[in-house]
Amino acid sequence: MFVTDIRKEFYDVVVNQRVALFVSPDIDALCACKVLQALFHCDQVQYTLVPVAGWQDLGTAFMEHKEQYQYFVLINCGANVDLLETLQPEEDSVFFICDTHRPVDVVNVYNDTQIKLLIKQDDDLGVPSYDDIFRDDEEDEEEGEDSGNESDGSAEPSGKRRRYDEARFIIMMQLERRIERQRARREWEARRREILFDYEQYEFHGTSAALVMFELAWVMSKDTKDMLWWSVIGVTDQWVHDKIPHMKYVTDIATLQRHVSRHNHRNEDEENSLSIDCMRITFEYDLRLVLYQHWSLYESICNSCYTSCSFKLWSINGQKKLQEFLADMGLPLKQVRQKFNSMDMSIKENLREVIEESANKFSMKDIRVQTFAVNFGFKNRFLASDVVHAAAALLENVEKDETPADNFIKALDCLSRSNLERLHLGIDLAKKKLKAIQQTVASCICTNLILSQGPFLYCHLLEGTPDVKLFSKPLALTLLCKYLLKAFICSTRNKRCKILPLIMAAPLDVEKGTVIVLGIPPESETSDKKNFFGRAFEKAAESTSSRTLHDHFDTSVIELKMEDRGKFLDALITLLS
């Protein structure tokens, strides 16, 4: 059931209990976790934090903790399947689910004892009504009724005949009623299947979990600037990884802007003292150039999806266009190619205006975007998107043989202002990752690796491709996939191909012979980010008995056996044609 009063129905319930906290490995979930940890720390709530990468992890974690805990909090996992069916818990276990995955499973919505959904009601949920999908089983058997009126013992033959006719009439009536009920039930079930298909057809995302948790802290008057910054990063993560439509991002940013103004107004005296430890969050229109304040401007322009696709940097003409752009800005190449921090102050002061003016001439009218920045003391300044890229790079780091749990803790740590060293390490990893994405995109476009399969585009990264190990992780593969689709649309002349979705496969485990497969919806400005590949993957695997593992909380990410790739794709083509 949906929780209407998050403080009373959630926080006041768990505040005196021991809680198991299951957190999915995405940046929004990490930020929501940080906010909740800070609240638990305030009220000395005992909890155990367990990262869960998929449904199997969640099942294992629940089995390990179900004896010690009655209350479980699930962040960005658990809402889009029938959780009680999946975990088979005891009747006294209670699950609080703060999850952005939509649609929410209808059984979770209508279970009012064990499932409590911490989900914003103003999201467009479209849950079917109870009567349309649940029905109390009627007793079909009404044979308990008398089959006829018993006679008064009259010996008349005509009396016997009358009794026989009455009994026959009653049986006929009962039979008709039963047929009518069965027909009505079949119609109701067909209608139910139709309603559920429409409801569950597309996967999409709702309000950031970090924002939901921040608003809980705000309602309790326990919100701090750190919590506000984490919720900013949570919302920015949804924008960076393209999970929500642009209008939803703008709406959530406006909500956060009000909180930022409130905090800045409240702490004006603290800011005026310019303490070395002070933290200031500001709302700004900044450039869509990734990590540019921690890189050289040239590297950032080359490795940002927006500018790279606008210039088509994988082509010789694109490289020429970039040189023209730099010349138009009138910036010396020496300045553009050195670290941003080392650029002349006179250039940095009005850099944004200069770039925006030239970008307009090169048809890049959206080079600026609404976002937030944070200043820690005098020296450290970060955009929210910088932190998202850094945390994602730490979370999916493949450079060292560390466990996913180690990476999870490092990514969680980099969100604290006391751990700026780790954040800088994440930024360095993010640069490597963004370069790898840029090079892979250029290679795929130049070697025509993207094939039109009819109803969708398909690209398969081969074992041995540079940095291919990096793309065995869902967040990195998602960024690559979105970038590649934009680049393909910019470089193709085929109008039909411009409106197709993209499926991408990358090697996952060579020994096991598995690939990770990801599907994203078509690229469009007005896109509502609804993804139909989750259901399509299930159906295609079912119809061909392909060996797949649907373990990710995002249903559009699956694992597939290499040998089954052919028949799986054929089934998808048939299904989506």
Protein backbone atom coordinates (compact mmCIF):
# COMPACT_ATOMS: atom_id res chain seq x y z
CA MET A 1 0.00 0.00 0.00
CA PHE A 2 1.06 3.61 -0.53
CA VAL A 3 2.19 5.41 2.60
CA THR A 4 0.43 8.79 2.84
CA ASP A 5 2.21 10.14 5.92
CA ILE A 6 5.86 9.08 5.53
CA ARG A 7 6.87 10.33 8.98
CA LYS A 8 4.09 8.66 10.95
CA GLU A 9 3.72 5.46 8.91
CA PHE A 10 7.42 4.86 8.23
CA TYR A 11 9.93 6.74 10.36
CA ASP A 12 8.03 6.67 13.67
CA VAL A 13 7.54 2.92 13.17
CA VAL A 14 11.22 2.04 12.59
CA VAL A 15 12.84 4.59 14.93
CA ASN A 16 12.84 2.22 17.91
CA GLN A 17 13.55 -0.93 15.92
CA ARG A 18 16.52 -2.68 14.32
CA VAL A 19 16.34 -2.27 10.57
CA ALA A 20 17.86 -4.09 7.58
CA LEU A 21 18.63 -1.63 4.76
CA PHE A 22 18.87 -3.19 1.25
CA VAL A 23 20.30 -0.75 -1.32
CA SER A 24 20.52 -1.13 -5.09
CA PRO A 25 23.82 -0.15 -6.82
CA ASP A 26 22.85 3.12 -8.49
CA ILE A 27 23.78 6.67 -7.56
CA ASP A 28 20.27 7.82 -6.63
CA ALA A 29 19.97 4.84 -4.24
CA LEU A 30 23.36 5.67 -2.67
CA CYS A 31 22.23 9.26 -2.08
CA ALA A 32 18.90 8.14 -0.57
CA CYS A 33 20.89 5.74 1.62
CA LYS A 34 23.18 8.61 2.80
CA VAL A 35 20.14 10.74 3.79
CA LEU A 36 18.55 7.84 5.67
CA GLN A 37 21.83 6.94 7.37
CA ALA A 38 22.16 10.54 8.58
CA LEU A 39 18.62 10.43 10.02
CA PHE A 40 19.26 7.04 11.66
CA HIS A 41 22.50 8.44 13.09
CA CYS A 42 20.55 11.39 14.59
CA ASP A 43 18.10 9.10 16.35
CA GLN A 44 20.53 6.26 17.09
CA VAL A 45 18.55 3.74 15.05
CA GLN A 46 20.37 0.41 14.73
CA TYR A 47 20.59 -0.80 11.15
CA THR A 48 22.53 -3.14 8.87
CA LEU A 49 23.39 -1.91 5.37
CA VAL A 50 23.45 -4.55 2.61
CA PRO A 51 24.17 -3.69 -1.07
CA VAL A 52 22.05 -5.86 -3.39
CA ALA A 53 22.97 -5.95 -7.10
CA GLY A 54 19.95 -7.92 -8.34
CA TRP A 55 17.03 -10.18 -7.42
CA GLN A 56 19.29 -13.12 -6.49
CA ASP A 57 21.30 -10.88 -4.15
CA LEU A 58 18.10 -9.57 -2.61
CA GLY A 59 16.79 -13.10 -2.00
CA THR A 60 20.10 -14.18 -0.41
CA ALA A 61 20.31 -11.05 1.76
CA PHE A 62 16.73 -11.57 2.96
CA MET A 63 17.38 -15.23 3.82
CA GLU A 64 20.44 -14.20 5.87
CA HIS A 65 18.66 -11.45 7.81
CA LYS A 66 15.04 -12.60 8.16
CA GLU A 67 15.63 -14.24 11.55
CA GLN A 68 17.10 -11.11 13.19
CA TYR A 69 14.94 -8.40 11.60
CA GLN A 70 11.26 -7.67 11.29
CA TYR A 71 11.60 -4.37 9.39
CA PHE A 72 13.28 -4.10 5.98
CA VAL A 73 13.89 -0.91 4.00
CA LEU A 74 14.47 -1.41 0.26
CA ILE A 75 15.94 1.46 -1.77
CA ASN A 76 15.47 1.43 -5.57
CA CYS A 77 14.53 -2.24 -5.61
CA GLY A 78 11.48 -4.36 -4.85
CA ALA A 79 8.57 -2.28 -6.16
CA ASN A 80 8.16 -3.73 -9.66
CA VAL A 81 7.64 -7.42 -8.73
CA ASP A 82 5.29 -9.18 -6.32
CA LEU A 83 7.71 -9.02 -3.39
CA LEU A 84 5.92 -11.46 -1.08
CA GLU A 85 5.82 -14.05 -3.87
CA THR A 86 9.54 -13.46 -4.56
CA LEU A 87 10.84 -13.55 -0.96
CA GLN A 88 8.22 -15.75 0.78
CA PRO A 89 8.60 -13.92 4.13
CA GLU A 90 6.97 -14.72 7.49
CA GLU A 91 3.71 -12.89 8.19
CA ASP A 92 5.30 -10.44 10.65
CA SER A 93 7.97 -9.13 8.22
CA VAL A 94 7.29 -5.57 7.02
CA PHE A 95 8.88 -4.04 3.90
CA PHE A 96 9.24 -0.30 3.37
CA ILE A 97 10.01 0.23 -0.34
CA CYS A 98 11.41 3.50 -1.67
CA ASP A 99 11.86 2.68 -5.35
CA THR A 100 11.88 4.74 -8.57
CA HIS A 101 11.13 1.73 -10.82
CA ARG A 102 7.72 1.82 -12.44
CA PRO A 103 5.22 0.32 -12.89
CA VAL A 104 4.69 -0.72 -9.27
CA ASP A 105 3.42 -4.31 -9.00
CA VAL A 106 -0.33 -4.29 -8.29
CA VAL A 107 -0.05 -6.87 -5.50
CA ASN A 108 2.38 -4.55 -3.68
CA VAL A 109 -0.05 -1.65 -4.14
CA TYR A 110 -3.02 -3.51 -2.65
CA ASN A 111 -1.23 -5.38 0.16
CA ASP A 112 -1.90 -3.23 3.22
CA THR A 113 -0.20 -5.31 5.91
CA GLN A 114 3.37 -6.15 4.87
CA ILE A 115 4.19 -3.83 1.95
CA LYS A 116 4.52 -0.08 2.57
CA LEU A 117 5.41 1.97 -0.52
CA LEU A 118 7.33 5.20 0.09
CA ILE A 119 6.46 6.56 -3.35
CA LYS A 120 5.28 10.03 -4.37
CA GLN A 121 1.60 9.94 -5.32
CA ASP A 122 1.92 12.85 -7.76
CA ASP A 123 3.95 10.65 -10.12
CA ASP A 124 1.83 9.42 -13.02
CA LEU A 125 1.31 5.90 -11.61
CA GLY A 126 -1.90 4.88 -13.40
CA VAL A 127 -2.54 1.89 -11.09
CA PRO A 128 -5.65 -0.09 -12.15
CA SER A 129 -8.54 -0.14 -9.67
CA TYR A 130 -8.85 -3.06 -7.24
CA ASP A 131 -12.11 -4.36 -8.75
CA ASP A 132 -10.60 -4.53 -12.24
CA ILE A 133 -7.83 -6.92 -11.23
CA PHE A 134 -8.92 -8.75 -8.09
CA ARG A 135 -12.11 -10.73 -7.66
CA ASP A 136 -13.32 -12.85 -4.75
CA ASP A 137 -13.85 -16.39 -6.02
CA GLU A 138 -17.57 -17.05 -6.10
CA GLU A 139 -18.89 -20.41 -5.18
CA ASP A 140 -19.72 -22.00 -8.47
CA GLU A 141 -21.36 -24.84 -6.72
CA GLU A 142 -24.88 -24.11 -5.68
CA GLU A 143 -25.78 -27.76 -5.64
CA GLY A 144 -26.57 -27.46 -1.96
CA GLU A 145 -29.97 -26.19 -2.95
CA ASP A 146 -32.70 -28.74 -3.11
CA SER A 147 -32.97 -30.30 -6.55
CA GLY A 148 -36.72 -30.12 -6.27
CA ASN A 149 -39.58 -29.83 -3.80
CA GLU A 150 -40.11 -33.04 -1.98
CA SER A 151 -43.63 -34.46 -2.51
CA ASP A 152 -46.18 -34.82 0.18
CA GLY A 153 -46.30 -38.58 -0.47
CA SER A 154 -49.21 -38.42 -2.91
CA ALA A 155 -49.52 -41.66 -4.92
CA GLU A 156 -50.86 -39.93 -8.01
CA PRO A 157 -48.90 -40.71 -11.24
CA SER A 158 -49.56 -37.10 -12.37
CA GLY A 159 -47.92 -35.85 -9.09
CA LYS A 160 -44.76 -37.85 -9.92
CA ARG A 161 -44.72 -36.39 -13.40
CA ARG A 162 -45.05 -32.81 -11.99
CA ARG A 163 -42.19 -33.39 -9.54
CA TYR A 164 -39.97 -34.69 -12.36
CA ASP A 165 -40.70 -31.59 -14.52
CA GLU A 166 -39.98 -29.21 -11.64
CA ALA A 167 -36.66 -30.92 -10.85
CA ARG A 168 -35.68 -30.81 -14.53
CA PHE A 169 -36.57 -27.12 -14.74
CA ILE A 170 -34.49 -26.28 -11.62
CA ILE A 171 -31.45 -28.21 -12.96
CA MET A 172 -31.72 -26.39 -16.32
CA MET A 173 -31.90 -23.02 -14.54
CA GLN A 174 -28.84 -23.86 -12.41
CA LEU A 175 -26.93 -24.97 -15.49
CA GLU A 176 -27.79 -21.74 -17.33
CA ARG A 177 -26.73 -19.66 -14.32
CA ARG A 178 -23.42 -21.54 -14.08
CA ILE A 179 -22.71 -21.08 -17.83
CA GLU A 180 -23.55 -17.38 -17.50
CA ARG A 181 -21.19 -17.05 -14.51
CA GLN A 182 -18.38 -18.86 -16.34
CA ARG A 183 -18.86 -16.65 -19.41
CA ALA A 184 -18.79 -13.50 -17.23
CA ARG A 185 -15.67 -14.78 -15.50
CA ARG A 186 -13.90 -15.48 -18.82
CA GLU A 187 -14.78 -11.98 -20.04
CA TRP A 188 -13.55 -10.47 -16.76
CA GLU A 189 -10.27 -12.41 -16.96
CA ALA A 190 -9.70 -11.35 -20.57
CA ARG A 191 -10.35 -7.74 -19.60
CA ARG A 192 -8.02 -8.12 -16.59
CA ARG A 193 -5.22 -9.46 -18.82
CA GLU A 194 -5.71 -6.50 -21.15
CA ILE A 195 -5.64 -3.95 -18.28
CA LEU A 196 -2.52 -5.53 -16.74
CA PHE A 197 -0.78 -5.69 -20.13
CA ASP A 198 -1.43 -1.97 -20.71
CA TYR A 199 -0.26 -1.16 -17.18
CA GLU A 200 2.88 -3.34 -17.17
CA GLN A 201 3.88 -2.87 -20.81
CA TYR A 202 6.46 -0.09 -20.28
CA GLU A 203 9.21 0.37 -17.73
CA PHE A 204 9.99 3.93 -16.60
CA HIS A 205 11.21 5.85 -13.53
CA GLY A 206 9.50 8.06 -10.97
CA THR A 207 10.69 10.66 -8.46
CA SER A 208 14.24 10.21 -7.17
CA ALA A 209 14.51 8.12 -3.98
CA ALA A 210 17.01 10.64 -2.58
CA LEU A 211 14.46 13.44 -3.02
CA VAL A 212 11.77 11.37 -1.26
CA MET A 213 14.15 10.74 1.68
CA PHE A 214 15.19 14.40 1.80
CA GLU A 215 11.55 15.47 2.00
CA LEU A 216 11.12 13.08 4.96
CA ALA A 217 14.06 14.83 6.69
CA TRP A 218 12.53 18.22 5.84
CA VAL A 219 9.11 17.25 7.27
CA MET A 220 10.89 16.29 10.51
CA SER A 221 12.95 19.55 10.50
CA LYS A 222 16.15 17.49 10.46
CA ASP A 223 17.32 18.38 6.95
CA THR A 224 20.91 19.57 6.56
CA LYS A 225 22.87 21.01 3.64
CA ASP A 226 24.61 17.66 3.16
CA MET A 227 21.25 15.89 2.84
CA LEU A 228 20.09 18.55 0.37
CA TRP A 229 23.26 18.08 -1.71
CA TRP A 230 22.72 14.30 -1.77
CA SER A 231 19.15 14.76 -3.03
CA VAL A 232 20.49 17.12 -5.74
CA ILE A 233 22.94 14.39 -6.83
CA GLY A 234 20.09 11.81 -6.81
CA VAL A 235 17.95 13.90 -9.18
CA THR A 236 21.00 14.72 -11.36
CA ASP A 237 21.78 10.99 -11.62
CA GLN A 238 18.35 10.46 -13.17
CA TRP A 239 19.14 13.17 -15.73
CA VAL A 240 22.71 11.97 -16.49
CA HIS A 241 21.57 8.36 -17.03
CA ASP A 242 18.52 9.56 -18.98
CA LYS A 243 15.93 7.92 -16.72
CA ILE A 244 13.37 10.75 -16.60
CA PRO A 245 11.89 13.15 -19.20
CA HIS A 246 13.39 16.65 -19.34
CA MET A 247 10.21 18.25 -17.93
CA LYS A 248 10.30 15.95 -14.88
CA TYR A 249 13.94 16.94 -14.31
CA VAL A 250 13.07 20.66 -14.54
CA THR A 251 10.15 20.21 -12.08
CA ASP A 252 12.31 18.36 -9.53
CA ILE A 253 15.11 20.92 -9.92
CA ALA A 254 12.57 23.69 -9.14
CA THR A 255 11.57 21.87 -5.94
CA LEU A 256 15.23 21.59 -4.92
CA GLN A 257 15.88 25.22 -5.80
CA ARG A 258 13.33 26.31 -3.18
CA HIS A 259 15.10 24.21 -0.55
CA VAL A 260 18.50 25.62 -1.59
CA SER A 261 17.20 29.20 -1.26
CA ARG A 262 15.79 28.38 2.18
CA HIS A 263 19.07 26.88 3.39
CA ASN A 264 21.21 29.68 1.96
CA HIS A 265 18.95 32.30 3.54
CA ARG A 266 19.03 30.49 6.87
CA ASN A 267 22.83 30.24 6.88
CA GLU A 268 23.78 33.69 5.59
CA ASP A 269 25.69 34.55 8.76
CA GLU A 270 27.68 31.34 8.52
CA GLU A 271 28.56 32.09 4.88
CA ASN A 272 29.64 35.65 5.67
CA SER A 273 32.23 34.31 8.08
CA LEU A 274 33.74 32.39 5.09
CA SER A 275 34.78 29.47 7.24
CA ILE A 276 37.29 27.14 5.60
CA ASP A 277 34.84 24.25 6.16
CA CYS A 278 31.72 26.05 4.92
CA MET A 279 29.51 24.43 2.30
CA ARG A 280 27.50 26.47 -0.17
CA ILE A 281 25.09 25.06 -2.78
CA THR A 282 24.16 27.30 -5.71
CA PHE A 283 21.65 26.95 -8.53
CA GLU A 284 23.15 27.75 -11.93
CA TYR A 285 22.77 27.45 -15.67
CA ASP A 286 25.99 25.61 -16.47
CA LEU A 287 27.54 24.04 -19.55
CA ARG A 288 26.71 20.57 -20.84
CA LEU A 289 30.42 19.81 -20.89
CA VAL A 290 31.27 16.82 -18.77
CA LEU A 291 33.79 17.35 -15.92
CA TYR A 292 35.15 20.46 -17.67
CA GLN A 293 36.23 22.11 -14.40
CA HIS A 294 38.43 19.08 -13.60
CA TRP A 295 39.79 18.54 -17.11
CA SER A 296 40.98 20.65 -20.01
CA LEU A 297 38.23 22.41 -21.96
CA TYR A 298 39.41 20.63 -25.14
CA GLU A 299 39.16 17.13 -23.57
CA SER A 300 35.75 17.93 -22.14
CA ILE A 301 34.34 19.12 -25.48
CA CYS A 302 35.74 16.00 -27.21
CA ASN A 303 34.31 13.58 -24.63
CA SER A 304 30.90 15.16 -23.94
CA CYS A 305 28.05 13.41 -25.71
CA TYR A 306 26.29 16.70 -26.58
CA THR A 307 29.23 18.44 -28.30
CA SER A 308 30.76 15.28 -29.77
CA CYS A 309 27.49 14.36 -31.52
CA SER A 310 26.80 17.96 -32.61
CA PHE A 311 30.22 18.19 -34.30
CA LYS A 312 30.34 14.48 -35.36
CA LEU A 313 33.85 14.32 -33.94
CA TRP A 314 34.43 10.79 -35.28
CA SER A 315 34.74 12.29 -38.80
CA ILE A 316 37.43 14.52 -40.37
CA ASN A 317 34.79 17.18 -41.05
CA GLY A 318 33.81 17.04 -37.38
CA GLN A 319 37.40 17.67 -36.29
CA LYS A 320 37.54 20.67 -38.68
CA LYS A 321 34.27 22.00 -37.24
CA LEU A 322 35.72 21.75 -33.72
CA GLN A 323 38.75 23.80 -34.78
CA GLU A 324 36.40 26.42 -36.28
CA PHE A 325 34.41 26.48 -33.03
CA LEU A 326 37.55 27.05 -30.94
CA ALA A 327 38.67 29.77 -33.36
CA ASP A 328 35.25 31.44 -33.18
CA MET A 329 35.54 31.62 -29.39
CA GLY A 330 38.90 33.34 -29.80
CA LEU A 331 40.53 31.22 -27.11
CA PRO A 332 44.25 30.41 -27.51
CA LEU A 333 44.79 26.66 -28.08
CA LYS A 334 47.36 26.64 -25.29
CA GLN A 335 44.66 27.77 -22.84
CA VAL A 336 42.03 25.36 -24.18
CA ARG A 337 44.32 22.35 -23.90
CA GLN A 338 45.58 22.92 -20.36
CA LYS A 339 43.78 22.04 -17.12
CA PHE A 340 40.80 24.28 -16.42
CA ASN A 341 42.26 25.33 -13.05
CA SER A 342 45.40 26.62 -14.77
CA MET A 343 43.59 28.79 -17.35
CA ASP A 344 43.94 32.56 -17.13
CA MET A 345 41.44 34.12 -14.73
CA SER A 346 40.46 36.69 -17.39
CA ILE A 347 39.37 33.81 -19.69
CA LYS A 348 37.59 31.82 -16.97
CA GLU A 349 35.51 34.77 -15.77
CA ASN A 350 33.27 34.97 -18.84
CA LEU A 351 33.97 31.53 -20.33
CA ARG A 352 30.36 30.36 -20.14
CA GLU A 353 29.06 33.39 -22.07
CA VAL A 354 31.79 33.03 -24.73
CA ILE A 355 31.06 29.33 -25.23
CA GLU A 356 27.30 29.88 -25.33
CA GLU A 357 27.59 32.65 -27.93
CA SER A 358 29.72 30.50 -30.26
CA ALA A 359 27.60 27.38 -29.60
CA ASN A 360 24.51 29.22 -30.88
CA LYS A 361 26.28 29.86 -34.20
CA PHE A 362 27.02 26.12 -34.47
CA SER A 363 23.36 25.11 -33.82
CA MET A 364 24.06 24.03 -30.21
CA LYS A 365 21.28 26.06 -28.62
CA ASP A 366 20.97 23.80 -25.55
CA ILE A 367 24.59 23.97 -24.42
CA ARG A 368 23.46 25.26 -21.03
CA VAL A 369 21.44 23.26 -18.54
CA GLN A 370 19.88 23.93 -15.14
CA THR A 371 21.96 22.38 -12.40
CA PHE A 372 23.56 22.93 -9.00
CA ALA A 373 27.13 23.40 -7.85
CA VAL A 374 28.66 23.05 -4.40
CA ASN A 375 31.62 24.84 -2.86
CA PHE A 376 33.48 23.19 0.00
CA GLY A 377 35.58 25.97 1.56
CA PHE A 378 37.60 28.11 -0.85
CA LYS A 379 39.20 25.49 -3.00
CA ASN A 380 36.83 22.70 -3.97
CA ARG A 381 33.96 23.27 -6.39
CA PHE A 382 31.90 20.52 -7.99
CA LEU A 383 28.89 20.39 -10.27
CA ALA A 384 26.25 17.80 -9.33
CA SER A 385 26.95 15.91 -12.60
CA ASP A 386 30.70 15.73 -11.69
CA VAL A 387 29.79 13.81 -8.54
CA VAL A 388 27.38 11.50 -10.41
CA HIS A 389 30.11 10.54 -12.93
CA ALA A 390 32.71 10.08 -10.17
CA ALA A 391 30.46 7.93 -7.96
CA ALA A 392 29.34 5.79 -10.94
CA ALA A 393 32.99 5.23 -11.96
CA LEU A 394 33.88 4.10 -8.41
CA LEU A 395 30.77 1.92 -8.18
CA GLU A 396 31.60 0.05 -11.40
CA ASN A 397 35.39 0.19 -11.18
CA VAL A 398 36.94 -2.74 -13.08
CA GLU A 399 40.59 -1.71 -12.70
CA LYS A 400 41.24 -3.59 -9.47
CA ASP A 401 39.96 -7.01 -8.47
CA GLU A 402 37.68 -5.69 -5.77
CA THR A 403 34.31 -7.04 -4.81
CA PRO A 404 31.14 -5.16 -5.79
CA ALA A 405 30.60 -4.53 -2.04
CA ASP A 406 34.01 -2.78 -1.78
CA ASN A 407 33.19 -0.60 -4.76
CA PHE A 408 29.77 0.16 -3.26
CA ILE A 409 31.36 1.42 -0.01
CA LYS A 410 33.91 3.54 -1.92
CA ALA A 411 31.17 5.13 -4.03
CA LEU A 412 29.15 5.78 -0.88
CA ASP A 413 32.19 7.34 0.81
CA CYS A 414 32.95 9.71 -2.08
CA LEU A 415 29.60 11.45 -1.41
CA SER A 416 30.81 12.73 1.98
CA ARG A 417 32.58 16.08 2.03
CA SER A 418 35.13 14.59 4.44
CA ASN A 419 36.24 12.23 1.65
CA LEU A 420 37.21 14.60 -1.17
CA GLU A 421 40.31 12.54 -1.99
CA ARG A 422 38.08 9.64 -2.93
CA LEU A 423 35.86 11.95 -4.99
CA HIS A 424 38.91 13.17 -6.94
CA LEU A 425 39.92 9.53 -7.51
CA GLY A 426 36.39 8.89 -8.85
CA ILE A 427 36.71 11.88 -11.19
CA ASP A 428 39.98 10.46 -12.60
CA LEU A 429 38.27 7.09 -13.18
CA ALA A 430 35.29 8.85 -14.79
CA LYS A 431 37.60 10.60 -17.28
CA LYS A 432 39.04 7.24 -18.37
CA LYS A 433 35.53 5.83 -18.69
CA LEU A 434 34.28 8.80 -20.76
CA LYS A 435 37.30 8.55 -23.08
CA ALA A 436 36.61 4.82 -23.53
CA ILE A 437 32.95 5.57 -24.34
CA GLN A 438 33.95 8.25 -26.88
CA GLN A 439 36.49 5.95 -28.59
CA THR A 440 34.03 3.02 -28.68
CA VAL A 441 31.30 5.21 -30.19
CA ALA A 442 33.71 6.52 -32.86
CA SER A 443 34.84 2.96 -33.64
CA CYS A 444 31.24 1.63 -33.90
CA ILE A 445 30.16 4.47 -36.20
CA CYS A 446 33.25 4.29 -38.46
CA THR A 447 33.12 0.49 -38.84
CA ASN A 448 29.32 0.39 -39.30
CA LEU A 449 28.79 -1.88 -36.31
CA ILE A 450 25.21 -0.65 -35.83
CA LEU A 451 22.85 -2.80 -37.87
CA SER A 452 19.19 -2.18 -38.62
CA GLN A 453 17.22 -5.32 -37.72
CA GLY A 454 13.83 -4.04 -38.87
CA PRO A 455 12.02 -2.89 -35.73
CA PHE A 456 15.23 -1.93 -33.87
CA LEU A 457 18.93 -1.15 -34.25
CA TYR A 458 21.46 -3.64 -32.93
CA CYS A 459 25.12 -3.36 -31.94
CA HIS A 460 27.31 -6.10 -30.52
CA LEU A 461 30.71 -5.31 -28.95
CA LEU A 462 33.13 -8.14 -29.62
CA GLU A 463 35.49 -9.69 -27.13
CA GLY A 464 38.87 -8.04 -27.58
CA THR A 465 37.42 -4.57 -28.24
CA PRO A 466 39.44 -2.01 -26.21
CA ASP A 467 37.88 -1.31 -22.76
CA VAL A 468 35.18 -3.92 -23.38
CA LYS A 469 35.42 -5.08 -19.74
CA LEU A 470 34.18 -1.64 -18.69
CA PHE A 471 30.91 -2.18 -20.58
CA SER A 472 30.01 -5.38 -18.77
CA LYS A 473 28.53 -3.05 -16.12
CA PRO A 474 24.97 -1.70 -16.53
CA LEU A 475 25.59 2.03 -15.83
CA ALA A 476 28.60 2.23 -18.19
CA LEU A 477 26.74 0.25 -20.87
CA THR A 478 23.71 2.55 -20.49
CA LEU A 479 25.84 5.67 -21.02
CA LEU A 480 27.52 4.07 -24.05
CA CYS A 481 24.17 2.97 -25.49
CA LYS A 482 22.56 6.43 -25.16
CA TYR A 483 25.67 8.12 -26.60
CA LEU A 484 25.89 5.65 -29.50
CA LEU A 485 22.23 6.08 -30.45
CA LYS A 486 22.59 9.90 -30.50
CA ALA A 487 25.78 9.61 -32.58
CA PHE A 488 24.13 7.21 -35.03
CA ILE A 489 21.12 9.52 -35.47
CA CYS A 490 23.50 12.43 -36.19
CA SER A 491 25.49 10.44 -38.75
CA THR A 492 22.80 8.49 -40.66
CA ARG A 493 20.75 9.82 -43.57
CA ASN A 494 18.14 7.07 -43.26
CA LYS A 495 15.08 8.81 -41.76
CA ARG A 496 13.45 5.55 -40.68
CA CYS A 497 16.52 4.49 -38.68
CA LYS A 498 16.46 7.78 -36.77
CA ILE A 499 13.27 6.76 -34.93
CA LEU A 500 14.30 3.22 -33.96
CA PRO A 501 15.27 1.96 -30.49
CA LEU A 502 18.69 0.38 -29.89
CA ILE A 503 19.69 -2.99 -28.41
CA MET A 504 23.30 -3.40 -27.37
CA ALA A 505 25.19 -6.53 -26.31
CA ALA A 506 28.63 -6.67 -24.65
CA PRO A 507 30.67 -9.65 -23.37
CA LEU A 508 29.96 -10.41 -19.71
CA ASP A 509 31.70 -13.64 -18.74
CA VAL A 510 33.88 -15.26 -21.42
CA GLU A 511 34.25 -18.55 -19.52
CA LYS A 512 30.50 -18.93 -19.08
CA GLY A 513 29.88 -17.64 -22.60
CA THR A 514 27.43 -14.93 -21.52
CA VAL A 515 26.70 -11.43 -22.79
CA ILE A 516 24.93 -8.49 -21.12
CA VAL A 517 22.07 -7.15 -23.26
CA LEU A 518 20.48 -3.73 -22.86
CA GLY A 519 17.61 -2.09 -24.77
CA ILE A 520 16.81 1.63 -24.83
CA PRO A 521 13.79 3.44 -26.35
CA PRO A 522 14.06 5.66 -29.46
CA GLU A 523 15.73 9.05 -29.08
CA SER A 524 13.40 12.05 -29.22
CA GLU A 525 13.10 15.46 -27.59
CA THR A 526 9.60 14.76 -26.29
CA SER A 527 10.41 11.20 -25.20
CA ASP A 528 8.71 10.09 -21.98
CA LYS A 529 11.59 7.61 -21.41
CA LYS A 530 9.21 4.62 -21.36
CA ASN A 531 11.06 1.43 -22.20
CA PHE A 532 9.21 -1.57 -23.67
CA PHE A 533 12.23 -3.90 -23.88
CA GLY A 534 11.73 -5.49 -20.44
CA ARG A 535 8.52 -7.26 -21.45
CA ALA A 536 9.82 -7.95 -24.97
CA PHE A 537 12.96 -9.67 -23.61
CA GLU A 538 10.84 -11.86 -21.33
CA LYS A 539 8.52 -12.92 -24.16
CA ALA A 540 11.38 -13.58 -26.62
CA ALA A 541 13.28 -15.69 -24.07
CA GLU A 542 10.10 -17.62 -23.22
CA SER A 543 9.12 -18.36 -26.82
CA THR A 544 12.60 -19.62 -27.81
CA SER A 545 13.67 -21.21 -24.49
CA SER A 546 16.76 -18.99 -24.63
CA ARG A 547 18.98 -19.24 -21.57
CA THR A 548 18.60 -15.79 -20.04
CA LEU A 549 18.95 -14.37 -16.55
CA HIS A 550 16.57 -11.51 -15.68
CA ASP A 551 18.34 -10.55 -12.49
CA HIS A 552 18.65 -6.75 -12.77
CA PHE A 553 16.17 -4.42 -11.09
CA ASP A 554 15.94 -2.66 -14.49
CA THR A 555 14.02 -5.17 -16.59
CA SER A 556 15.61 -3.86 -19.81
CA VAL A 557 19.00 -5.33 -18.75
CA ILE A 558 19.45 -9.11 -19.04
CA GLU A 559 22.18 -11.74 -19.30
CA LEU A 560 22.11 -14.11 -22.27
CA LYS A 561 24.04 -17.19 -23.41
CA MET A 562 26.09 -16.39 -26.55
CA GLU A 563 24.83 -19.48 -28.43
CA ASP A 564 21.21 -18.37 -27.96
CA ARG A 565 21.79 -14.87 -29.32
CA GLY A 566 20.63 -15.68 -32.87
CA LYS A 567 17.27 -17.24 -32.00
CA PHE A 568 16.67 -14.65 -29.25
CA LEU A 569 17.13 -11.75 -31.74
CA ASP A 570 14.96 -13.49 -34.35
CA ALA A 571 12.17 -13.83 -31.77
CA LEU A 572 12.51 -10.13 -30.86
CA ILE A 573 12.29 -9.11 -34.53
CA THR A 574 9.10 -11.19 -34.95
CA LEU A 575 7.64 -9.87 -31.70
CA LEU A 576 8.29 -6.17 -32.39
CA SER A 577 7.53 -6.15 -36.14
